Amino acid sequence: CALPIYLTKVEMVGSWTISINTDNCGICKADIKVTCIECVAAEADASNCTVAEGNCGHHFHTHCISRWTNSNRNGGGHNNSNNCPSCQQPWETAKVHSIAA
């Protein structure tokens, strides 16, 4: 003898995440899904911190990759060019993702 089960209430729960296939920024080594060390040090608003995705598919905090390419452009970097620090392909930003909740 089976007892009937009645569904009386349903509560939906949603969540979101950035679709990024890496855990850490390859430059500052901080968690890619939270503000970069530059924004943390400046106590900046998290909404100003973004993640840049290159045409090569690598992701870095926008501030980190900007600092990387600027230092290389000025002759202070490792390869003296605007290449991705992970794969050495020419860096071009394909997308910018917000990390603010």
PDB file of N, CA and C in Angstrom:
ATOM      1  N   CYS A   1       0.851  -1.165   0.000  1.00  0.00           N
ATOM      2  CA  CYS A   1       0.000   0.000   0.000  1.00  0.00           C
ATOM      3  C   CYS A   1       0.907   1.241   0.000  1.00  0.00           C
ATOM      4  N   ALA A   2       0.961   1.961  -1.108  1.00  0.00           N
ATOM      5  CA  ALA A   2       1.796   3.150  -1.251  1.00  0.00           C
ATOM      6  C   ALA A   2       1.017   4.389  -0.837  1.00  0.00           C
ATOM      7  N   LEU A   3       1.672   5.239  -0.068  1.00  0.00           N
ATOM      8  CA  LEU A   3       1.051   6.500   0.333  1.00  0.00           C
ATOM      9  C   LEU A   3       1.341   7.565  -0.716  1.00  0.00           C
ATOM     10  N   PRO A   4       0.384   8.376  -1.071  1.00  0.00           N
ATOM     11  CA  PRO A   4       0.621   9.432  -2.058  1.00  0.00           C
ATOM     12  C   PRO A   4       1.480  10.544  -1.465  1.00  0.00           C
ATOM     13  N   ILE A   5       2.323  11.111  -2.304  1.00  0.00           N
ATOM     14  CA  ILE A   5       3.168  12.242  -1.900  1.00  0.00           C
ATOM     15  C   ILE A   5       2.697  13.450  -2.684  1.00  0.00           C
ATOM     16  N   TYR A   6       2.434  14.548  -1.988  1.00  0.00           N
ATOM     17  CA  TYR A   6       1.969  15.774  -2.623  1.00  0.00           C
ATOM     18  C   TYR A   6       3.035  16.852  -2.491  1.00  0.00           C
ATOM     19  N   LEU A   7       3.337  17.473  -3.588  1.00  0.00           N
ATOM     20  CA  LEU A   7       4.288  18.573  -3.613  1.00  0.00           C
ATOM     21  C   LEU A   7       3.523  19.850  -3.299  1.00  0.00           C
ATOM     22  N   THR A   8       3.874  20.514  -2.191  1.00  0.00           N
ATOM     23  CA  THR A   8       3.114  21.695  -1.780  1.00  0.00           C
ATOM     24  C   THR A   8       3.843  23.005  -2.015  1.00  0.00           C
ATOM     25  N   LYS A   9       5.171  22.956  -2.140  1.00  0.00           N
ATOM     26  CA  LYS A   9       5.915  24.191  -2.316  1.00  0.00           C
ATOM     27  C   LYS A   9       7.232  23.895  -3.036  1.00  0.00           C
ATOM     28  N   VAL A  10       7.596  24.763  -3.982  1.00  0.00           N
ATOM     29  CA  VAL A  10       8.863  24.637  -4.694  1.00  0.00           C
ATOM     30  C   VAL A  10       9.589  25.974  -4.582  1.00  0.00           C
ATOM     31  N   GLU A  11      10.840  25.951  -4.178  1.00  0.00           N
ATOM     32  CA  GLU A  11      11.655  27.160  -4.116  1.00  0.00           C
ATOM     33  C   GLU A  11      12.840  26.977  -5.044  1.00  0.00           C
ATOM     34  N   MET A  12      12.963  27.874  -5.991  1.00  0.00           N
ATOM     35  CA  MET A  12      14.063  27.810  -6.954  1.00  0.00           C
ATOM     36  C   MET A  12      15.268  28.564  -6.386  1.00  0.00           C
ATOM     37  N   VAL A  13      16.435  28.000  -6.583  1.00  0.00           N
ATOM     38  CA  VAL A  13      17.674  28.628  -6.146  1.00  0.00           C
ATOM     39  C   VAL A  13      18.551  28.787  -7.378  1.00  0.00           C
ATOM     40  N   GLY A  14      19.080  29.965  -7.563  1.00  0.00           N
ATOM     41  CA  GLY A  14      19.935  30.204  -8.712  1.00  0.00           C
ATOM     42  C   GLY A  14      21.310  30.665  -8.288  1.00  0.00           C
ATOM     43  N   SER A  15      22.258  30.448  -9.138  1.00  0.00           N
ATOM     44  CA  SER A  15      23.609  30.936  -8.901  1.00  0.00           C
ATOM     45  C   SER A  15      24.221  31.269 -10.241  1.00  0.00           C
ATOM     46  N   TRP A  16      25.300  32.016 -10.218  1.00  0.00           N
ATOM     47  CA  TRP A  16      25.991  32.368 -11.446  1.00  0.00           C
ATOM     48  C   TRP A  16      27.481  32.274 -11.214  1.00  0.00           C
ATOM     49  N   THR A  17      28.196  32.156 -12.279  1.00  0.00           N
ATOM     50  CA  THR A  17      29.645  32.126 -12.217  1.00  0.00           C
ATOM     51  C   THR A  17      30.203  32.626 -13.538  1.00  0.00           C
ATOM     52  N   ILE A  18      31.395  33.101 -13.507  1.00  0.00           N
ATOM     53  CA  ILE A  18      32.071  33.497 -14.734  1.00  0.00           C
ATOM     54  C   ILE A  18      32.533  32.218 -15.421  1.00  0.00           C
ATOM     55  N   SER A  19      32.327  32.128 -16.705  1.00  0.00           N
ATOM     56  CA  SER A  19      32.754  30.952 -17.450  1.00  0.00           C
ATOM     57  C   SER A  19      34.219  31.096 -17.846  1.00  0.00           C
ATOM     58  N   ILE A  20      35.089  30.847 -16.892  1.00  0.00           N
ATOM     59  CA  ILE A  20      36.527  30.964 -17.108  1.00  0.00           C
ATOM     60  C   ILE A  20      37.161  29.648 -16.694  1.00  0.00           C
ATOM     61  N   ASN A  21      38.020  29.136 -17.538  1.00  0.00           N
ATOM     62  CA  ASN A  21      38.622  27.832 -17.287  1.00  0.00           C
ATOM     63  C   ASN A  21      39.944  27.925 -16.538  1.00  0.00           C
ATOM     64  N   THR A  22      40.047  28.833 -15.617  1.00  0.00           N
ATOM     65  CA  THR A  22      41.257  28.947 -14.805  1.00  0.00           C
ATOM     66  C   THR A  22      40.864  29.433 -13.420  1.00  0.00           C
ATOM     67  N   ASP A  23      41.679  29.155 -12.435  1.00  0.00           N
ATOM     68  CA  ASP A  23      41.381  29.564 -11.068  1.00  0.00           C
ATOM     69  C   ASP A  23      42.101  30.837 -10.664  1.00  0.00           C
ATOM     70  N   ASN A  24      43.298  31.031 -11.187  1.00  0.00           N
ATOM     71  CA  ASN A  24      44.124  32.158 -10.752  1.00  0.00           C
ATOM     72  C   ASN A  24      44.587  32.994 -11.927  1.00  0.00           C
ATOM     73  N   CYS A  25      44.782  34.270 -11.669  1.00  0.00           N
ATOM     74  CA  CYS A  25      45.387  35.159 -12.655  1.00  0.00           C
ATOM     75  C   CYS A  25      46.839  34.712 -12.827  1.00  0.00           C
ATOM     76  N   GLY A  26      47.263  34.524 -14.054  1.00  0.00           N
ATOM     77  CA  GLY A  26      48.618  34.057 -14.321  1.00  0.00           C
ATOM     78  C   GLY A  26      49.691  35.082 -14.019  1.00  0.00           C
ATOM     79  N   ILE A  27      49.303  36.312 -13.737  1.00  0.00           N
ATOM     80  CA  ILE A  27      50.281  37.361 -13.452  1.00  0.00           C
ATOM     81  C   ILE A  27      50.384  37.605 -11.953  1.00  0.00           C
ATOM     82  N   CYS A  28      49.255  37.928 -11.291  1.00  0.00           N
ATOM     83  CA  CYS A  28      49.319  38.229  -9.850  1.00  0.00           C
ATOM     84  C   CYS A  28      49.107  36.991  -8.980  1.00  0.00           C
ATOM     85  N   LYS A  29      48.649  35.891  -9.589  1.00  0.00           N
ATOM     86  CA  LYS A  29      48.412  34.608  -8.916  1.00  0.00           C
ATOM     87  C   LYS A  29      47.234  34.634  -7.949  1.00  0.00           C
ATOM     88  N   ALA A  30      46.477  35.740  -7.898  1.00  0.00           N
ATOM     89  CA  ALA A  30      45.283  35.819  -7.046  1.00  0.00           C
ATOM     90  C   ALA A  30      44.119  35.119  -7.746  1.00  0.00           C
ATOM     91  N   ASP A  31      43.107  34.789  -6.990  1.00  0.00           N
ATOM     92  CA  ASP A  31      41.901  34.173  -7.539  1.00  0.00           C
ATOM     93  C   ASP A  31      41.346  35.060  -8.648  1.00  0.00           C
ATOM     94  N   ILE A  32      41.104  34.502  -9.816  1.00  0.00           N
ATOM     95  CA  ILE A  32      40.662  35.266 -10.985  1.00  0.00           C
ATOM     96  C   ILE A  32      39.240  35.808 -10.809  1.00  0.00           C
ATOM     97  N   LYS A  33      38.453  35.203  -9.923  1.00  0.00           N
ATOM     98  CA  LYS A  33      37.054  35.581  -9.776  1.00  0.00           C
ATOM     99  C   LYS A  33      36.818  36.593  -8.662  1.00  0.00           C
ATOM    100  N   VAL A  34      37.903  37.134  -8.117  1.00  0.00           N
ATOM    101  CA  VAL A  34      37.786  38.214  -7.128  1.00  0.00           C
ATOM    102  C   VAL A  34      38.675  39.366  -7.579  1.00  0.00           C
ATOM    103  N   THR A  35      38.594  40.484  -6.890  1.00  0.00           N
ATOM    104  CA  THR A  35      39.353  41.656  -7.304  1.00  0.00           C
ATOM    105  C   THR A  35      40.853  41.387  -7.305  1.00  0.00           C
ATOM    106  N   CYS A  36      41.540  42.054  -8.219  1.00  0.00           N
ATOM    107  CA  CYS A  36      42.987  41.884  -8.349  1.00  0.00           C
ATOM    108  C   CYS A  36      43.714  42.549  -7.174  1.00  0.00           C
ATOM    109  N   ILE A  37      44.993  42.240  -7.045  1.00  0.00           N
ATOM    110  CA  ILE A  37      45.754  42.786  -5.914  1.00  0.00           C
ATOM    111  C   ILE A  37      45.879  44.306  -6.007  1.00  0.00           C
ATOM    112  N   GLU A  38      45.879  44.845  -7.215  1.00  0.00           N
ATOM    113  CA  GLU A  38      45.946  46.305  -7.381  1.00  0.00           C
ATOM    114  C   GLU A  38      44.699  46.969  -6.802  1.00  0.00           C
ATOM    115  N   CYS A  39      43.518  46.405  -7.079  1.00  0.00           N
ATOM    116  CA  CYS A  39      42.266  46.965  -6.548  1.00  0.00           C
ATOM    117  C   CYS A  39      42.158  46.758  -5.040  1.00  0.00           C
ATOM    118  N   VAL A  40      42.637  45.618  -4.562  1.00  0.00           N
ATOM    119  CA  VAL A  40      42.618  45.364  -3.118  1.00  0.00           C
ATOM    120  C   VAL A  40      43.511  46.375  -2.407  1.00  0.00           C
ATOM    121  N   ALA A  41      44.713  46.595  -2.937  1.00  0.00           N
ATOM    122  CA  ALA A  41      45.653  47.543  -2.313  1.00  0.00           C
ATOM    123  C   ALA A  41      45.101  48.965  -2.324  1.00  0.00           C
ATOM    124  N   ALA A  42      44.393  49.327  -3.388  1.00  0.00           N
ATOM    125  CA  ALA A  42      43.839  50.673  -3.512  1.00  0.00           C
ATOM    126  C   ALA A  42      42.469  50.792  -2.842  1.00  0.00           C
ATOM    127  N   GLU A  43      41.979  49.672  -2.284  1.00  0.00           N
ATOM    128  CA  GLU A  43      40.647  49.618  -1.686  1.00  0.00           C
ATOM    129  C   GLU A  43      39.608  50.148  -2.671  1.00  0.00           C
ATOM    130  N   ALA A  44      39.751  49.753  -3.934  1.00  0.00           N
ATOM    131  CA  ALA A  44      38.869  50.212  -4.998  1.00  0.00           C
ATOM    132  C   ALA A  44      37.569  49.421  -5.003  1.00  0.00           C
ATOM    133  N   ASP A  45      36.569  49.997  -5.626  1.00  0.00           N
ATOM    134  CA  ASP A  45      35.272  49.356  -5.802  1.00  0.00           C
ATOM    135  C   ASP A  45      35.436  48.123  -6.683  1.00  0.00           C
ATOM    136  N   ALA A  46      34.897  47.004  -6.250  1.00  0.00           N
ATOM    137  CA  ALA A  46      35.032  45.740  -6.995  1.00  0.00           C
ATOM    138  C   ALA A  46      34.435  45.821  -8.391  1.00  0.00           C
ATOM    139  N   SER A  47      33.478  46.710  -8.602  1.00  0.00           N
ATOM    140  CA  SER A  47      32.862  46.809  -9.924  1.00  0.00           C
ATOM    141  C   SER A  47      33.823  47.371 -10.971  1.00  0.00           C
ATOM    142  N   ASN A  48      34.921  47.981 -10.519  1.00  0.00           N
ATOM    143  CA  ASN A  48      35.928  48.502 -11.444  1.00  0.00           C
ATOM    144  C   ASN A  48      36.949  47.446 -11.856  1.00  0.00           C
ATOM    145  N   CYS A  49      36.924  46.302 -11.214  1.00  0.00           N
ATOM    146  CA  CYS A  49      37.889  45.237 -11.515  1.00  0.00           C
ATOM    147  C   CYS A  49      37.244  44.248 -12.467  1.00  0.00           C
ATOM    148  N   THR A  50      37.914  43.989 -13.581  1.00  0.00           N
ATOM    149  CA  THR A  50      37.385  43.089 -14.600  1.00  0.00           C
ATOM    150  C   THR A  50      38.431  42.042 -14.975  1.00  0.00           C
ATOM    151  N   VAL A  51      37.992  41.048 -15.738  1.00  0.00           N
ATOM    152  CA  VAL A  51      38.877  39.998 -16.236  1.00  0.00           C
ATOM    153  C   VAL A  51      38.928  40.114 -17.750  1.00  0.00           C
ATOM    154  N   ALA A  52      40.139  40.173 -18.285  1.00  0.00           N
ATOM    155  CA  ALA A  52      40.330  40.246 -19.735  1.00  0.00           C
ATOM    156  C   ALA A  52      40.598  38.851 -20.275  1.00  0.00           C
ATOM    157  N   GLU A  53      39.894  38.508 -21.343  1.00  0.00           N
ATOM    158  CA  GLU A  53      40.111  37.241 -22.036  1.00  0.00           C
ATOM    159  C   GLU A  53      40.786  37.547 -23.362  1.00  0.00           C
ATOM    160  N   GLY A  54      41.923  36.929 -23.608  1.00  0.00           N
ATOM    161  CA  GLY A  54      42.648  37.159 -24.853  1.00  0.00           C
ATOM    162  C   GLY A  54      42.130  36.299 -25.984  1.00  0.00           C
ATOM    163  N   ASN A  55      42.479  36.660 -27.202  1.00  0.00           N
ATOM    164  CA  ASN A  55      42.122  35.832 -28.357  1.00  0.00           C
ATOM    165  C   ASN A  55      42.689  34.426 -28.229  1.00  0.00           C
ATOM    166  N   CYS A  56      43.758  34.282 -27.460  1.00  0.00           N
ATOM    167  CA  CYS A  56      44.386  32.979 -27.251  1.00  0.00           C
ATOM    168  C   CYS A  56      43.617  32.120 -26.242  1.00  0.00           C
ATOM    169  N   GLY A  57      42.650  32.731 -25.526  1.00  0.00           N
ATOM    170  CA  GLY A  57      41.845  31.995 -24.559  1.00  0.00           C
ATOM    171  C   GLY A  57      42.319  32.108 -23.123  1.00  0.00           C
ATOM    172  N   HIS A  58      43.443  32.777 -22.882  1.00  0.00           N
ATOM    173  CA  HIS A  58      43.926  32.947 -21.509  1.00  0.00           C
ATOM    174  C   HIS A  58      43.236  34.148 -20.856  1.00  0.00           C
ATOM    175  N   HIS A  59      43.113  34.082 -19.523  1.00  0.00           N
ATOM    176  CA  HIS A  59      42.415  35.108 -18.756  1.00  0.00           C
ATOM    177  C   HIS A  59      43.348  35.713 -17.713  1.00  0.00           C
ATOM    178  N   PHE A  60      43.250  37.027 -17.561  1.00  0.00           N
ATOM    179  CA  PHE A  60      44.017  37.759 -16.550  1.00  0.00           C
ATOM    180  C   PHE A  60      43.147  38.901 -16.047  1.00  0.00           C
ATOM    181  N   HIS A  61      43.414  39.343 -14.823  1.00  0.00           N
ATOM    182  CA  HIS A  61      42.767  40.582 -14.390  1.00  0.00           C
ATOM    183  C   HIS A  61      43.165  41.672 -15.391  1.00  0.00           C
ATOM    184  N   THR A  62      42.229  42.522 -15.750  1.00  0.00           N
ATOM    185  CA  THR A  62      42.497  43.572 -16.738  1.00  0.00           C
ATOM    186  C   THR A  62      43.638  44.472 -16.294  1.00  0.00           C
ATOM    187  N   HIS A  63      43.675  44.819 -15.009  1.00  0.00           N
ATOM    188  CA  HIS A  63      44.767  45.658 -14.509  1.00  0.00           C
ATOM    189  C   HIS A  63      46.115  44.945 -14.639  1.00  0.00           C
ATOM    190  N   CYS A  64      46.133  43.649 -14.391  1.00  0.00           N
ATOM    191  CA  CYS A  64      47.383  42.885 -14.456  1.00  0.00           C
ATOM    192  C   CYS A  64      47.919  42.808 -15.879  1.00  0.00           C
ATOM    193  N   ILE A  65      47.051  42.474 -16.848  1.00  0.00           N
ATOM    194  CA  ILE A  65      47.531  42.349 -18.228  1.00  0.00           C
ATOM    195  C   ILE A  65      47.886  43.720 -18.798  1.00  0.00           C
ATOM    196  N   SER A  66      47.202  44.766 -18.367  1.00  0.00           N
ATOM    197  CA  SER A  66      47.562  46.123 -18.813  1.00  0.00           C
ATOM    198  C   SER A  66      48.943  46.508 -18.310  1.00  0.00           C
ATOM    199  N   ARG A  67      49.201  46.210 -17.047  1.00  0.00           N
ATOM    200  CA  ARG A  67      50.512  46.509 -16.470  1.00  0.00           C
ATOM    201  C   ARG A  67      51.598  45.680 -17.181  1.00  0.00           C
ATOM    202  N   TRP A  68      51.287  44.416 -17.481  1.00  0.00           N
ATOM    203  CA  TRP A  68      52.220  43.517 -18.168  1.00  0.00           C
ATOM    204  C   TRP A  68      52.580  44.071 -19.550  1.00  0.00           C
ATOM    205  N   THR A  69      51.573  44.391 -20.347  1.00  0.00           N
ATOM    206  CA  THR A  69      51.848  44.861 -21.708  1.00  0.00           C
ATOM    207  C   THR A  69      52.511  46.236 -21.692  1.00  0.00           C
ATOM    208  N   ASN A  70      52.144  47.100 -20.745  1.00  0.00           N
ATOM    209  CA  ASN A  70      52.790  48.418 -20.653  1.00  0.00           C
ATOM    210  C   ASN A  70      54.247  48.300 -20.243  1.00  0.00           C
ATOM    211  N   SER A  71      54.562  47.400 -19.311  1.00  0.00           N
ATOM    212  CA  SER A  71      55.964  47.252 -18.888  1.00  0.00           C
ATOM    213  C   SER A  71      56.793  46.662 -20.026  1.00  0.00           C
ATOM    214  N   ASN A  72      56.204  45.755 -20.791  1.00  0.00           N
ATOM    215  CA  ASN A  72      56.923  45.171 -21.924  1.00  0.00           C
ATOM    216  C   ASN A  72      57.094  46.182 -23.052  1.00  0.00           C
ATOM    217  N   ARG A  73      56.086  47.019 -23.248  1.00  0.00           N
ATOM    218  CA  ARG A  73      56.153  48.031 -24.293  1.00  0.00           C
ATOM    219  C   ARG A  73      57.259  49.041 -23.987  1.00  0.00           C
ATOM    220  N   ASN A  74      57.489  49.289 -22.707  1.00  0.00           N
ATOM    221  CA  ASN A  74      58.499  50.259 -22.290  1.00  0.00           C
ATOM    222  C   ASN A  74      59.877  49.635 -22.089  1.00  0.00           C
ATOM    223  N   GLY A  75      60.048  48.382 -22.453  1.00  0.00           N
ATOM    224  CA  GLY A  75      61.357  47.736 -22.370  1.00  0.00           C
ATOM    225  C   GLY A  75      61.683  47.152 -21.014  1.00  0.00           C
ATOM    226  N   GLY A  76      60.730  47.137 -20.078  1.00  0.00           N
ATOM    227  CA  GLY A  76      61.035  46.624 -18.749  1.00  0.00           C
ATOM    228  C   GLY A  76      60.598  45.202 -18.529  1.00  0.00           C
ATOM    229  N   GLY A  77      59.990  44.588 -19.529  1.00  0.00           N
ATOM    230  CA  GLY A  77      59.450  43.250 -19.354  1.00  0.00           C
ATOM    231  C   GLY A  77      60.369  42.155 -19.832  1.00  0.00           C
ATOM    232  N   HIS A  78      59.857  40.946 -19.778  1.00  0.00           N
ATOM    233  CA  HIS A  78      60.636  39.763 -20.113  1.00  0.00           C
ATOM    234  C   HIS A  78      60.854  39.592 -21.611  1.00  0.00           C
ATOM    235  N   ASN A  79      59.867  39.985 -22.414  1.00  0.00           N
ATOM    236  CA  ASN A  79      59.974  39.688 -23.839  1.00  0.00           C
ATOM    237  C   ASN A  79      59.887  40.940 -24.718  1.00  0.00           C
ATOM    238  N   ASN A  80      59.773  42.098 -24.101  1.00  0.00           N
ATOM    239  CA  ASN A  80      59.775  43.382 -24.800  1.00  0.00           C
ATOM    240  C   ASN A  80      58.745  43.441 -25.927  1.00  0.00           C
ATOM    241  N   SER A  81      57.578  42.813 -25.720  1.00  0.00           N
ATOM    242  CA  SER A  81      56.503  42.862 -26.701  1.00  0.00           C
ATOM    243  C   SER A  81      55.168  42.765 -25.986  1.00  0.00           C
ATOM    244  N   ASN A  82      54.101  42.770 -26.745  1.00  0.00           N
ATOM    245  CA  ASN A  82      52.762  42.672 -26.174  1.00  0.00           C
ATOM    246  C   ASN A  82      52.221  41.261 -26.290  1.00  0.00           C
ATOM    247  N   ASN A  83      52.980  40.285 -25.850  1.00  0.00           N
ATOM    248  CA  ASN A  83      52.567  38.889 -25.948  1.00  0.00           C
ATOM    249  C   ASN A  83      51.891  38.410 -24.678  1.00  0.00           C
ATOM    250  N   CYS A  84      51.029  37.403 -24.837  1.00  0.00           N
ATOM    251  CA  CYS A  84      50.398  36.758 -23.688  1.00  0.00           C
ATOM    252  C   CYS A  84      51.491  36.146 -22.816  1.00  0.00           C
ATOM    253  N   PRO A  85      51.452  36.373 -21.507  1.00  0.00           N
ATOM    254  CA  PRO A  85      52.477  35.799 -20.636  1.00  0.00           C
ATOM    255  C   PRO A  85      52.435  34.275 -20.555  1.00  0.00           C
ATOM    256  N   SER A  86      51.312  33.661 -20.927  1.00  0.00           N
ATOM    257  CA  SER A  86      51.196  32.206 -20.838  1.00  0.00           C
ATOM    258  C   SER A  86      51.653  31.481 -22.097  1.00  0.00           C
ATOM    259  N   CYS A  87      51.257  32.008 -23.271  1.00  0.00           N
ATOM    260  CA  CYS A  87      51.537  31.265 -24.510  1.00  0.00           C
ATOM    261  C   CYS A  87      52.399  32.036 -25.504  1.00  0.00           C
ATOM    262  N   GLN A  88      52.713  33.284 -25.188  1.00  0.00           N
ATOM    263  CA  GLN A  88      53.564  34.146 -26.021  1.00  0.00           C
ATOM    264  C   GLN A  88      52.946  34.541 -27.363  1.00  0.00           C
ATOM    265  N   GLN A  89      51.640  34.278 -27.558  1.00  0.00           N
ATOM    266  CA  GLN A  89      50.973  34.794 -28.747  1.00  0.00           C
ATOM    267  C   GLN A  89      50.734  36.284 -28.551  1.00  0.00           C
ATOM    268  N   PRO A  90      50.653  37.052 -29.628  1.00  0.00           N
ATOM    269  CA  PRO A  90      50.366  38.483 -29.479  1.00  0.00           C
ATOM    270  C   PRO A  90      49.072  38.690 -28.688  1.00  0.00           C
ATOM    271  N   TRP A  91      49.133  39.538 -27.660  1.00  0.00           N
ATOM    272  CA  TRP A  91      47.964  39.752 -26.801  1.00  0.00           C
ATOM    273  C   TRP A  91      46.985  40.700 -27.468  1.00  0.00           C
ATOM    274  N   GLU A  92      45.765  40.240 -27.617  1.00  0.00           N
ATOM    275  CA  GLU A  92      44.636  41.048 -28.047  1.00  0.00           C
ATOM    276  C   GLU A  92      43.468  40.666 -27.185  1.00  0.00           C
ATOM    277  N   THR A  93      42.826  41.637 -26.561  1.00  0.00           N
ATOM    278  CA  THR A  93      41.691  41.368 -25.702  1.00  0.00           C
ATOM    279  C   THR A  93      40.474  41.029 -26.548  1.00  0.00           C
ATOM    280  N   ALA A  94      39.908  39.849 -26.323  1.00  0.00           N
ATOM    281  CA  ALA A  94      38.727  39.412 -27.061  1.00  0.00           C
ATOM    282  C   ALA A  94      37.450  39.803 -26.320  1.00  0.00           C
ATOM    283  N   LYS A  95      37.444  39.634 -24.985  1.00  0.00           N
ATOM    284  CA  LYS A  95      36.276  39.941 -24.161  1.00  0.00           C
ATOM    285  C   LYS A  95      36.749  40.462 -22.818  1.00  0.00           C
ATOM    286  N   VAL A  96      35.874  41.229 -22.173  1.00  0.00           N
ATOM    287  CA  VAL A  96      36.120  41.675 -20.807  1.00  0.00           C
ATOM    288  C   VAL A  96      34.932  41.238 -19.976  1.00  0.00           C
ATOM    289  N   HIS A  97      35.205  40.503 -18.879  1.00  0.00           N
ATOM    290  CA  HIS A  97      34.171  39.982 -18.004  1.00  0.00           C
ATOM    291  C   HIS A  97      34.150  40.778 -16.704  1.00  0.00           C
ATOM    292  N   SER A  98      32.960  41.087 -16.218  1.00  0.00           N
ATOM    293  CA  SER A  98      32.817  41.709 -14.912  1.00  0.00           C
ATOM    294  C   SER A  98      32.926  40.636 -13.852  1.00  0.00           C
ATOM    295  N   ILE A  99      33.570  40.954 -12.736  1.00  0.00           N
ATOM    296  CA  ILE A  99      33.631  39.980 -11.643  1.00  0.00           C
ATOM    297  C   ILE A  99      32.796  40.415 -10.454  1.00  0.00           C
ATOM    298  N   ALA A 100      32.161  41.576 -10.554  1.00  0.00           N
ATOM    299  CA  ALA A 100      31.326  42.068  -9.454  1.00  0.00           C
ATOM    300  C   ALA A 100      30.059  41.245  -9.370  1.00  0.00           C
ATOM    301  N   ALA A 101      29.672  40.914  -8.143  1.00  0.00           N
ATOM    302  CA  ALA A 101      28.455  40.119  -7.943  1.00  0.00           C
ATOM    303  C   ALA A 101      27.221  40.962  -8.112  1.00  0.00           C
TER     304      ALA A 101
END
